[in-house]
């Protein structure tokens, strides 16, 4: 189940389709509890794919969902942000440094 969701979401990232990503998130969050959907894991895979592709609009869009997670999940996901910068194209790292990393720094 998770694999299919990630595959579809990656296609939306490549299309820069934030509307479909938002619809997908709503659909996943309202699924029956009989499906074991690991939303933080899906978020991580989609976020890192957006970093790899350099989709700044999608990255900004996904940051909104990051702040909707509970504190423990945010702490667990925080480690992926430096890696997102590492896999990103050098032409986008300045943007990432200025817009994303300050949002997740420990204060």
N, C-alpha and C. Protein backbone atom coordinates (compact mmCIF):
# COMPACT_ATOMS: atom_id res chain seq x y z
N UNK A 1 0.82 -1.19 0.00
CA UNK A 1 0.00 0.00 0.00
C UNK A 1 0.86 1.26 0.00
N UNK A 2 1.83 1.31 0.94
CA UNK A 2 2.70 2.49 1.00
C UNK A 2 3.47 2.69 -0.29
N UNK A 3 3.93 1.59 -0.86
CA UNK A 3 4.73 1.68 -2.08
C UNK A 3 3.93 2.29 -3.24
N UNK A 4 2.66 1.90 -3.35
CA UNK A 4 1.81 2.45 -4.41
C UNK A 4 1.55 3.94 -4.19
N UNK A 5 1.35 4.31 -2.94
CA UNK A 5 1.12 5.72 -2.62
C UNK A 5 2.35 6.54 -2.96
N UNK A 6 3.52 6.04 -2.58
CA UNK A 6 4.77 6.76 -2.85
C UNK A 6 5.00 6.87 -4.35
N UNK A 7 4.76 5.80 -5.07
CA UNK A 7 4.96 5.82 -6.52
C UNK A 7 4.06 6.87 -7.19
N UNK A 8 2.81 6.92 -6.78
CA UNK A 8 1.88 7.90 -7.34
C UNK A 8 2.29 9.32 -6.95
N UNK A 9 2.67 9.49 -5.69
CA UNK A 9 3.07 10.83 -5.22
C UNK A 9 4.33 11.31 -5.93
N UNK A 10 5.26 10.42 -6.19
CA UNK A 10 6.48 10.81 -6.91
C UNK A 10 6.14 11.30 -8.31
N UNK A 11 5.16 10.66 -8.93
CA UNK A 11 4.73 11.12 -10.25
C UNK A 11 4.15 12.53 -10.16
N UNK A 12 3.39 12.81 -9.09
CA UNK A 12 2.84 14.16 -8.91
C UNK A 12 3.94 15.17 -8.64
N UNK A 13 4.99 14.76 -7.93
CA UNK A 13 6.13 15.65 -7.69
C UNK A 13 6.79 16.00 -9.02
N UNK A 14 6.99 15.00 -9.86
CA UNK A 14 7.63 15.24 -11.16
C UNK A 14 6.78 16.15 -12.04
N UNK A 15 5.45 16.09 -11.87
CA UNK A 15 4.55 16.96 -12.62
C UNK A 15 4.37 18.32 -11.94
N UNK A 16 4.95 18.48 -10.73
CA UNK A 16 4.80 19.69 -9.92
C UNK A 16 3.32 19.96 -9.62
N UNK A 17 2.59 18.91 -9.31
CA UNK A 17 1.15 18.97 -9.12
C UNK A 17 0.81 18.96 -7.63
N UNK A 18 0.85 20.12 -7.00
CA UNK A 18 0.59 20.21 -5.57
C UNK A 18 -0.88 19.98 -5.24
N UNK A 19 -1.76 20.24 -6.17
CA UNK A 19 -3.19 20.03 -5.92
C UNK A 19 -3.48 18.55 -5.72
N UNK A 20 -2.91 17.72 -6.58
CA UNK A 20 -3.12 16.27 -6.44
C UNK A 20 -2.42 15.73 -5.19
N UNK A 21 -1.27 16.30 -4.83
CA UNK A 21 -0.61 15.88 -3.59
C UNK A 21 -1.48 16.19 -2.39
N UNK A 22 -2.12 17.35 -2.40
CA UNK A 22 -3.01 17.74 -1.31
C UNK A 22 -4.21 16.80 -1.24
N UNK A 23 -4.79 16.49 -2.38
CA UNK A 23 -5.92 15.57 -2.41
C UNK A 23 -5.52 14.18 -1.92
N UNK A 24 -4.33 13.75 -2.31
CA UNK A 24 -3.83 12.45 -1.88
C UNK A 24 -3.65 12.42 -0.36
N UNK A 25 -3.11 13.50 0.20
CA UNK A 25 -2.92 13.58 1.65
C UNK A 25 -4.25 13.49 2.39
N UNK A 26 -5.26 14.21 1.90
CA UNK A 26 -6.58 14.15 2.51
C UNK A 26 -7.14 12.74 2.46
N UNK A 27 -6.97 12.10 1.32
CA UNK A 27 -7.47 10.74 1.14
C UNK A 27 -6.78 9.76 2.08
N UNK A 28 -5.46 9.90 2.23
CA UNK A 28 -4.70 9.00 3.10
C UNK A 28 -5.08 9.22 4.56
N UNK A 29 -5.23 10.47 4.95
CA UNK A 29 -5.51 10.74 6.35
C UNK A 29 -6.92 10.32 6.77
N UNK A 30 -7.82 10.11 5.81
CA UNK A 30 -9.17 9.68 6.15
C UNK A 30 -9.40 8.20 5.87
N UNK A 31 -8.34 7.46 5.54
CA UNK A 31 -8.48 6.02 5.28
C UNK A 31 -8.90 5.27 6.52
N UNK A 32 -9.50 4.12 6.29
CA UNK A 32 -9.88 3.26 7.41
C UNK A 32 -8.64 2.83 8.18
N UNK A 33 -8.83 2.55 9.44
CA UNK A 33 -7.70 2.15 10.28
C UNK A 33 -7.24 0.72 9.97
N UNK A 34 -7.97 -0.01 9.13
CA UNK A 34 -7.53 -1.36 8.79
C UNK A 34 -6.29 -1.34 7.88
N UNK A 35 -6.06 -0.22 7.19
CA UNK A 35 -4.85 -0.07 6.40
C UNK A 35 -3.78 0.56 7.27
N UNK A 36 -2.63 -0.03 7.28
CA UNK A 36 -1.52 0.49 8.08
C UNK A 36 -0.66 1.39 7.19
N UNK A 37 -1.02 2.66 7.13
CA UNK A 37 -0.32 3.62 6.28
C UNK A 37 0.62 4.42 7.16
N UNK A 38 1.90 4.37 6.86
CA UNK A 38 2.91 5.09 7.62
C UNK A 38 3.13 6.46 6.98
N UNK A 39 2.37 7.43 7.41
CA UNK A 39 2.39 8.76 6.80
C UNK A 39 3.76 9.44 6.92
N UNK A 40 4.44 9.38 8.08
CA UNK A 40 5.77 10.00 8.13
C UNK A 40 6.77 9.39 7.14
N UNK A 41 6.71 8.09 6.95
CA UNK A 41 7.60 7.44 5.99
C UNK A 41 7.29 7.88 4.56
N UNK A 42 6.03 7.98 4.25
CA UNK A 42 5.62 8.45 2.92
C UNK A 42 6.06 9.89 2.72
N UNK A 43 5.88 10.72 3.74
CA UNK A 43 6.30 12.11 3.67
C UNK A 43 7.79 12.20 3.39
N UNK A 44 8.59 11.40 4.10
CA UNK A 44 10.04 11.41 3.92
C UNK A 44 10.41 11.07 2.48
N UNK A 45 9.82 10.01 1.95
CA UNK A 45 10.14 9.59 0.58
C UNK A 45 9.76 10.66 -0.44
N UNK A 46 8.61 11.27 -0.25
CA UNK A 46 8.16 12.30 -1.20
C UNK A 46 9.03 13.56 -1.07
N UNK A 47 9.33 13.95 0.15
CA UNK A 47 10.15 15.15 0.36
C UNK A 47 11.53 14.98 -0.26
N UNK A 48 12.16 13.85 -0.02
CA UNK A 48 13.50 13.62 -0.57
C UNK A 48 13.47 13.53 -2.09
N UNK A 49 12.41 12.99 -2.64
CA UNK A 49 12.29 12.95 -4.10
C UNK A 49 12.15 14.37 -4.66
N UNK A 50 11.38 15.21 -3.96
CA UNK A 50 11.25 16.60 -4.40
C UNK A 50 12.59 17.32 -4.33
N UNK A 51 13.38 17.03 -3.29
CA UNK A 51 14.72 17.63 -3.19
C UNK A 51 15.61 17.16 -4.34
N UNK A 52 15.55 15.89 -4.63
CA UNK A 52 16.37 15.32 -5.71
C UNK A 52 16.00 15.95 -7.05
N UNK A 53 14.73 16.20 -7.25
CA UNK A 53 14.26 16.79 -8.50
C UNK A 53 14.37 18.31 -8.52
N UNK A 54 14.62 18.93 -7.36
CA UNK A 54 14.73 20.39 -7.30
C UNK A 54 13.40 21.10 -7.43
N UNK A 55 12.33 20.47 -6.98
CA UNK A 55 10.99 21.05 -7.07
C UNK A 55 10.72 21.95 -5.86
N UNK A 56 11.12 23.21 -5.94
CA UNK A 56 11.04 24.11 -4.80
C UNK A 56 9.59 24.37 -4.37
N UNK A 57 8.69 24.43 -5.32
CA UNK A 57 7.29 24.67 -4.99
C UNK A 57 6.71 23.50 -4.19
N UNK A 58 7.05 22.30 -4.58
CA UNK A 58 6.57 21.11 -3.87
C UNK A 58 7.21 21.02 -2.49
N UNK A 59 8.49 21.36 -2.39
CA UNK A 59 9.17 21.33 -1.08
C UNK A 59 8.50 22.31 -0.13
N UNK A 60 8.22 23.50 -0.60
CA UNK A 60 7.54 24.51 0.22
C UNK A 60 6.16 24.01 0.63
N UNK A 61 5.46 23.40 -0.30
CA UNK A 61 4.14 22.85 -0.02
C UNK A 61 4.21 21.75 1.04
N UNK A 62 5.20 20.87 0.94
CA UNK A 62 5.34 19.78 1.91
C UNK A 62 5.73 20.26 3.29
N UNK A 63 6.41 21.39 3.37
CA UNK A 63 6.79 21.92 4.68
C UNK A 63 5.56 22.27 5.52
N UNK A 64 4.47 22.63 4.87
CA UNK A 64 3.23 22.91 5.61
C UNK A 64 2.75 21.65 6.34
N UNK A 65 2.87 20.52 5.66
CA UNK A 65 2.44 19.26 6.27
C UNK A 65 3.39 18.83 7.39
N UNK A 66 4.65 19.17 7.25
CA UNK A 66 5.62 18.81 8.30
C UNK A 66 5.20 19.42 9.63
N UNK A 67 4.75 20.64 9.62
CA UNK A 67 4.37 21.31 10.86
C UNK A 67 3.02 20.85 11.41
N UNK A 68 2.30 20.03 10.66
CA UNK A 68 1.07 19.43 11.17
C UNK A 68 1.33 18.14 11.95
N UNK A 69 2.52 17.57 11.81
CA UNK A 69 2.87 16.37 12.56
C UNK A 69 3.05 16.70 14.03
N UNK A 70 2.89 15.70 14.88
CA UNK A 70 3.12 15.91 16.30
C UNK A 70 4.62 16.13 16.54
N UNK A 71 4.97 16.60 17.74
CA UNK A 71 6.35 16.97 18.06
C UNK A 71 7.33 15.81 17.91
N UNK A 72 6.94 14.64 18.34
CA UNK A 72 7.84 13.48 18.27
C UNK A 72 8.14 13.13 16.81
N UNK A 73 7.13 13.14 15.98
CA UNK A 73 7.34 12.85 14.55
C UNK A 73 8.22 13.91 13.91
N UNK A 74 8.04 15.18 14.29
CA UNK A 74 8.89 16.23 13.75
C UNK A 74 10.34 16.02 14.13
N UNK A 75 10.58 15.61 15.36
CA UNK A 75 11.96 15.35 15.80
C UNK A 75 12.55 14.19 14.99
N UNK A 76 11.76 13.16 14.77
CA UNK A 76 12.25 12.02 14.00
C UNK A 76 12.53 12.37 12.54
N UNK A 77 11.71 13.24 11.97
CA UNK A 77 11.89 13.61 10.56
C UNK A 77 12.95 14.69 10.36
N UNK A 78 13.30 15.40 11.41
CA UNK A 78 14.23 16.52 11.28
C UNK A 78 15.57 16.12 10.66
N UNK A 79 15.98 14.88 10.88
CA UNK A 79 17.29 14.44 10.37
C UNK A 79 17.34 14.39 8.84
N UNK A 80 16.20 14.36 8.17
CA UNK A 80 16.23 14.25 6.71
C UNK A 80 16.50 15.58 6.02
N UNK A 81 16.33 16.70 6.71
CA UNK A 81 16.48 18.00 6.05
C UNK A 81 17.92 18.28 5.60
N UNK A 82 18.94 18.00 6.40
CA UNK A 82 20.31 18.18 5.87
C UNK A 82 20.60 17.23 4.70
N UNK A 83 20.03 16.04 4.75
CA UNK A 83 20.24 15.10 3.64
C UNK A 83 19.56 15.61 2.38
N UNK A 84 18.41 16.24 2.53
CA UNK A 84 17.72 16.83 1.38
C UNK A 84 18.59 17.87 0.69
N UNK A 85 19.32 18.64 1.48
CA UNK A 85 20.25 19.62 0.91
C UNK A 85 21.40 18.92 0.20
N UNK A 86 21.86 17.83 0.77
CA UNK A 86 22.99 17.09 0.21
C UNK A 86 22.67 16.50 -1.16
N UNK A 87 21.45 15.99 -1.34
CA UNK A 87 21.10 15.35 -2.62
C UNK A 87 20.58 16.35 -3.64
N UNK A 88 20.38 17.57 -3.22
CA UNK A 88 19.83 18.60 -4.10
C UNK A 88 20.90 19.12 -5.07
N UNK A 89 20.45 19.55 -6.21
CA UNK A 89 21.35 20.15 -7.19
C UNK A 89 22.00 21.40 -6.58
N UNK A 90 23.29 21.64 -6.84
CA UNK A 90 23.97 22.81 -6.27
C UNK A 90 23.29 24.14 -6.59
N UNK A 91 22.55 24.21 -7.67
CA UNK A 91 21.90 25.46 -8.03
C UNK A 91 20.72 25.80 -7.10
N UNK A 92 20.23 24.82 -6.34
CA UNK A 92 19.11 25.05 -5.43
C UNK A 92 19.52 25.11 -3.96
N UNK A 93 20.77 24.84 -3.64
CA UNK A 93 21.17 24.76 -2.23
C UNK A 93 21.08 26.11 -1.52
N UNK A 94 21.36 27.19 -2.23
CA UNK A 94 21.24 28.51 -1.60
C UNK A 94 19.78 28.77 -1.20
N UNK A 95 18.86 28.47 -2.11
CA UNK A 95 17.45 28.62 -1.81
C UNK A 95 17.07 27.77 -0.60
N UNK A 96 17.54 26.54 -0.56
CA UNK A 96 17.22 25.61 0.53
C UNK A 96 17.78 26.13 1.85
N UNK A 97 19.01 26.65 1.82
CA UNK A 97 19.63 27.22 3.02
C UNK A 97 18.82 28.39 3.57
N UNK A 98 18.30 29.21 2.70
CA UNK A 98 17.60 30.43 3.12
C UNK A 98 16.14 30.18 3.50
N UNK A 99 15.50 29.19 2.88
CA UNK A 99 14.06 29.04 3.06
C UNK A 99 13.61 27.82 3.86
N UNK A 100 14.38 26.75 3.85
CA UNK A 100 13.93 25.52 4.50
C UNK A 100 14.68 25.24 5.80
N UNK A 101 15.98 25.25 5.76
CA UNK A 101 16.76 24.90 6.96
C UNK A 101 16.48 25.80 8.16
N UNK A 102 16.27 27.12 7.99
CA UNK A 102 15.94 27.92 9.18
C UNK A 102 14.63 27.51 9.85
N UNK A 103 13.71 26.93 9.10
CA UNK A 103 12.42 26.52 9.67
C UNK A 103 12.54 25.31 10.60
N UNK A 104 13.56 24.50 10.39
CA UNK A 104 13.67 23.26 11.17
C UNK A 104 14.83 23.26 12.15
N UNK A 105 15.54 24.35 12.24
CA UNK A 105 16.65 24.43 13.20
C UNK A 105 16.13 24.41 14.63
N UNK A 106 16.86 23.76 15.49
CA UNK A 106 16.50 23.71 16.90
C UNK A 106 16.81 25.07 17.51
N UNK A 107 15.87 25.59 18.26
CA UNK A 107 16.05 26.93 18.83
C UNK A 107 16.42 26.84 20.28
